[in-house]
Structure formats: structure tokens, C-alpha cells
PDB file of N, CA and C in Angstrom:
ATOM      1  N   MET A   1      -1.165 -40.067  -6.505  1.00  0.00           N
ATOM      2  CA  MET A   1      -0.323 -38.882  -6.342  1.00  0.00           C
ATOM      3  C   MET A   1      -1.134 -37.614  -6.601  1.00  0.00           C
ATOM      4  N   GLY A   2      -1.950 -37.660  -7.642  1.00  0.00           N
ATOM      5  CA  GLY A   2      -2.775 -36.489  -7.960  1.00  0.00           C
ATOM      6  C   GLY A   2      -3.763 -36.182  -6.846  1.00  0.00           C
ATOM      7  N   VAL A   3      -4.332 -37.251  -6.266  1.00  0.00           N
ATOM      8  CA  VAL A   3      -5.295 -37.048  -5.183  1.00  0.00           C
ATOM      9  C   VAL A   3      -4.598 -36.416  -3.985  1.00  0.00           C
ATOM     10  N   LEU A   4      -3.409 -36.928  -3.680  1.00  0.00           N
ATOM     11  CA  LEU A   4      -2.652 -36.393  -2.545  1.00  0.00           C
ATOM     12  C   LEU A   4      -2.323 -34.924  -2.792  1.00  0.00           C
ATOM     13  N   ARG A   5      -1.894 -34.627  -4.008  1.00  0.00           N
ATOM     14  CA  ARG A   5      -1.541 -33.247  -4.346  1.00  0.00           C
ATOM     15  C   ARG A   5      -2.767 -32.347  -4.199  1.00  0.00           C
ATOM     16  N   SER A   6      -3.930 -32.842  -4.675  1.00  0.00           N
ATOM     17  CA  SER A   6      -5.155 -32.051  -4.584  1.00  0.00           C
ATOM     18  C   SER A   6      -5.515 -31.822  -3.117  1.00  0.00           C
ATOM     19  N   ARG A   7      -5.372 -32.868  -2.302  1.00  0.00           N
ATOM     20  CA  ARG A   7      -5.704 -32.740  -0.886  1.00  0.00           C
ATOM     21  C   ARG A   7      -4.780 -31.738  -0.204  1.00  0.00           C
ATOM     22  N   VAL A   8      -3.493 -31.845  -0.508  1.00  0.00           N
ATOM     23  CA  VAL A   8      -2.529 -30.908   0.078  1.00  0.00           C
ATOM     24  C   VAL A   8      -2.831 -29.496  -0.416  1.00  0.00           C
ATOM     25  N   GLY A   9      -3.136 -29.367  -1.702  1.00  0.00           N
ATOM     26  CA  GLY A   9      -3.463 -28.056  -2.260  1.00  0.00           C
ATOM     27  C   GLY A   9      -4.676 -27.474  -1.560  1.00  0.00           C
ATOM     28  N   GLY A  10      -5.665 -28.322  -1.270  1.00  0.00           N
ATOM     29  CA  GLY A  10      -6.864 -27.855  -0.576  1.00  0.00           C
ATOM     30  C   GLY A  10      -6.514 -27.358   0.814  1.00  0.00           C
ATOM     31  N   GLU A  11      -5.628 -28.091   1.492  1.00  0.00           N
ATOM     32  CA  GLU A  11      -5.206 -27.672   2.833  1.00  0.00           C
ATOM     33  C   GLU A  11      -4.508 -26.312   2.752  1.00  0.00           C
ATOM     34  N   VAL A  12      -3.626 -26.176   1.774  1.00  0.00           N
ATOM     35  CA  VAL A  12      -2.888 -24.920   1.623  1.00  0.00           C
ATOM     36  C   VAL A  12      -3.858 -23.774   1.355  1.00  0.00           C
ATOM     37  N   LEU A  13      -4.809 -23.993   0.438  1.00  0.00           N
ATOM     38  CA  LEU A  13      -5.771 -22.943   0.114  1.00  0.00           C
ATOM     39  C   LEU A  13      -6.638 -22.614   1.320  1.00  0.00           C
ATOM     40  N   ARG A  14      -7.006 -23.658   2.080  1.00  0.00           N
ATOM     41  CA  ARG A  14      -7.888 -23.435   3.220  1.00  0.00           C
ATOM     42  C   ARG A  14      -7.180 -22.631   4.312  1.00  0.00           C
ATOM     43  N   PHE A  15      -5.881 -22.865   4.467  1.00  0.00           N
ATOM     44  CA  PHE A  15      -5.147 -22.181   5.531  1.00  0.00           C
ATOM     45  C   PHE A  15      -4.476 -20.884   5.067  1.00  0.00           C
ATOM     46  N   SER A  16      -4.514 -20.601   3.769  1.00  0.00           N
ATOM     47  CA  SER A  16      -3.853 -19.402   3.257  1.00  0.00           C
ATOM     48  C   SER A  16      -4.350 -18.122   3.929  1.00  0.00           C
ATOM     49  N   PRO A  17      -5.671 -17.911   4.058  1.00  0.00           N
ATOM     50  CA  PRO A  17      -6.148 -16.680   4.701  1.00  0.00           C
ATOM     51  C   PRO A  17      -5.586 -16.530   6.112  1.00  0.00           C
ATOM     52  N   ALA A  18      -5.560 -17.613   6.874  1.00  0.00           N
ATOM     53  CA  ALA A  18      -5.039 -17.569   8.241  1.00  0.00           C
ATOM     54  C   ALA A  18      -3.555 -17.219   8.221  1.00  0.00           C
ATOM     55  N   LEU A  19      -2.815 -17.800   7.273  1.00  0.00           N
ATOM     56  CA  LEU A  19      -1.384 -17.521   7.180  1.00  0.00           C
ATOM     57  C   LEU A  19      -1.164 -16.065   6.794  1.00  0.00           C
ATOM     58  N   ASN A  20      -1.988 -15.553   5.876  1.00  0.00           N
ATOM     59  CA  ASN A  20      -1.851 -14.157   5.459  1.00  0.00           C
ATOM     60  C   ASN A  20      -2.119 -13.232   6.637  1.00  0.00           C
ATOM     61  N   ILE A  21      -3.147 -13.551   7.424  1.00  0.00           N
ATOM     62  CA  ILE A  21      -3.474 -12.728   8.591  1.00  0.00           C
ATOM     63  C   ILE A  21      -2.301 -12.764   9.571  1.00  0.00           C
ATOM     64  N   THR A  22      -1.726 -13.959   9.741  1.00  0.00           N
ATOM     65  CA  THR A  22      -0.596 -14.101  10.666  1.00  0.00           C
ATOM     66  C   THR A  22       0.589 -13.280  10.176  1.00  0.00           C
ATOM     67  N   GLU A  23       0.851 -13.334   8.868  1.00  0.00           N
ATOM     68  CA  GLU A  23       1.970 -12.574   8.309  1.00  0.00           C
ATOM     69  C   GLU A  23       1.741 -11.079   8.499  1.00  0.00           C
ATOM     70  N   ASP A  24       0.494 -10.626   8.282  1.00  0.00           N
ATOM     71  CA  ASP A  24       0.176  -9.211   8.463  1.00  0.00           C
ATOM     72  C   ASP A  24       0.386  -8.814   9.919  1.00  0.00           C
ATOM     73  N   ALA A  25      -0.055  -9.681  10.840  1.00  0.00           N
ATOM     74  CA  ALA A  25       0.084  -9.389  12.272  1.00  0.00           C
ATOM     75  C   ALA A  25       1.563  -9.314  12.649  1.00  0.00           C
ATOM     76  N   LEU A  26       2.363 -10.255  12.129  1.00  0.00           N
ATOM     77  CA  LEU A  26       3.797 -10.252  12.426  1.00  0.00           C
ATOM     78  C   LEU A  26       4.449  -9.003  11.847  1.00  0.00           C
ATOM     79  N   GLY A  27       4.065  -8.645  10.628  1.00  0.00           N
ATOM     80  CA  GLY A  27       4.620  -7.456   9.994  1.00  0.00           C
ATOM     81  C   GLY A  27       4.291  -6.219  10.813  1.00  0.00           C
ATOM     82  N   HIS A  28       3.045  -6.128  11.286  1.00  0.00           N
ATOM     83  CA  HIS A  28       2.624  -4.984  12.092  1.00  0.00           C
ATOM     84  C   HIS A  28       3.413  -4.976  13.396  1.00  0.00           C
ATOM     85  N   GLY A  29       3.583  -6.157  13.997  1.00  0.00           N
ATOM     86  CA  GLY A  29       4.332  -6.266  15.251  1.00  0.00           C
ATOM     87  C   GLY A  29       5.762  -5.787  15.069  1.00  0.00           C
ATOM     88  N   LEU A  30       6.380  -6.149  13.936  1.00  0.00           N
ATOM     89  CA  LEU A  30       7.755  -5.721  13.673  1.00  0.00           C
ATOM     90  C   LEU A  30       7.808  -4.209  13.503  1.00  0.00           C
ATOM     91  N   ASP A  31       6.783  -3.630  12.857  1.00  0.00           N
ATOM     92  CA  ASP A  31       6.737  -2.177  12.680  1.00  0.00           C
ATOM     93  C   ASP A  31       6.669  -1.497  14.039  1.00  0.00           C
ATOM     94  N   VAL A  32       5.847  -2.043  14.940  1.00  0.00           N
ATOM     95  CA  VAL A  32       5.700  -1.463  16.278  1.00  0.00           C
ATOM     96  C   VAL A  32       7.022  -1.543  17.031  1.00  0.00           C
ATOM     97  N   ILE A  33       7.668  -2.715  16.958  1.00  0.00           N
ATOM     98  CA  ILE A  33       8.959  -2.901  17.647  1.00  0.00           C
ATOM     99  C   ILE A  33       9.993  -1.919  17.097  1.00  0.00           C
ATOM    100  N   GLU A  34      10.003  -1.773  15.774  1.00  0.00           N
ATOM    101  CA  GLU A  34      10.959  -0.855  15.148  1.00  0.00           C
ATOM    102  C   GLU A  34      10.695   0.574  15.608  1.00  0.00           C
ATOM    103  N   ALA A  35       9.431   0.963  15.689  1.00  0.00           N
ATOM    104  CA  ALA A  35       9.062   2.309  16.127  1.00  0.00           C
ATOM    105  C   ALA A  35       9.500   2.529  17.573  1.00  0.00           C
ATOM    106  N   VAL A  36       9.319   1.521  18.415  1.00  0.00           N
ATOM    107  CA  VAL A  36       9.712   1.632  19.828  1.00  0.00           C
ATOM    108  C   VAL A  36      11.225   1.794  19.936  1.00  0.00           C
ATOM    109  N   LEU A  37      11.969   0.999  19.157  1.00  0.00           N
ATOM    110  CA  LEU A  37      13.431   1.088  19.197  1.00  0.00           C
ATOM    111  C   LEU A  37      13.889   2.464  18.716  1.00  0.00           C
ATOM    112  N   ARG A  38      13.223   3.001  17.705  1.00  0.00           N
ATOM    113  CA  ARG A  38      13.592   4.330  17.203  1.00  0.00           C
ATOM    114  C   ARG A  38      13.242   5.384  18.249  1.00  0.00           C
ATOM    115  N   GLY A  39      12.144   5.149  18.978  1.00  0.00           N
ATOM    116  CA  GLY A  39      11.711   6.096  20.008  1.00  0.00           C
ATOM    117  C   GLY A  39      12.754   6.240  21.110  1.00  0.00           C
ATOM    118  N   ARG A  40      13.539   5.187  21.330  1.00  0.00           N
ATOM    119  CA  ARG A  40      14.586   5.259  22.338  1.00  0.00           C
ATOM    120  C   ARG A  40      15.652   6.210  21.840  1.00  0.00           C
TER     121      ARG A  40
END
């Protein structure tokens, strides 16, 4: 169980930067969409 947890933790840590970048991109995209809607 500990080995599995460590392996999963490693996967999470390894993919965290990519997930953070994705979240930032989505957040920026939502800001752009909101700005466009306000522009109307």
C-alpha cells in the first residue's frame, strides 16, 4: 500500500506543473471570455 501511495504521489507531483499551467491557461481563457462578453 505504501509503495502504491508513493507511486501515485510521484505521478501527482510529476504532473502538478502541467496541471498548474493548464489551470492558469483556463483561468486566462475565462478572463478573456468575460472581457469579450462585457465588451458586448
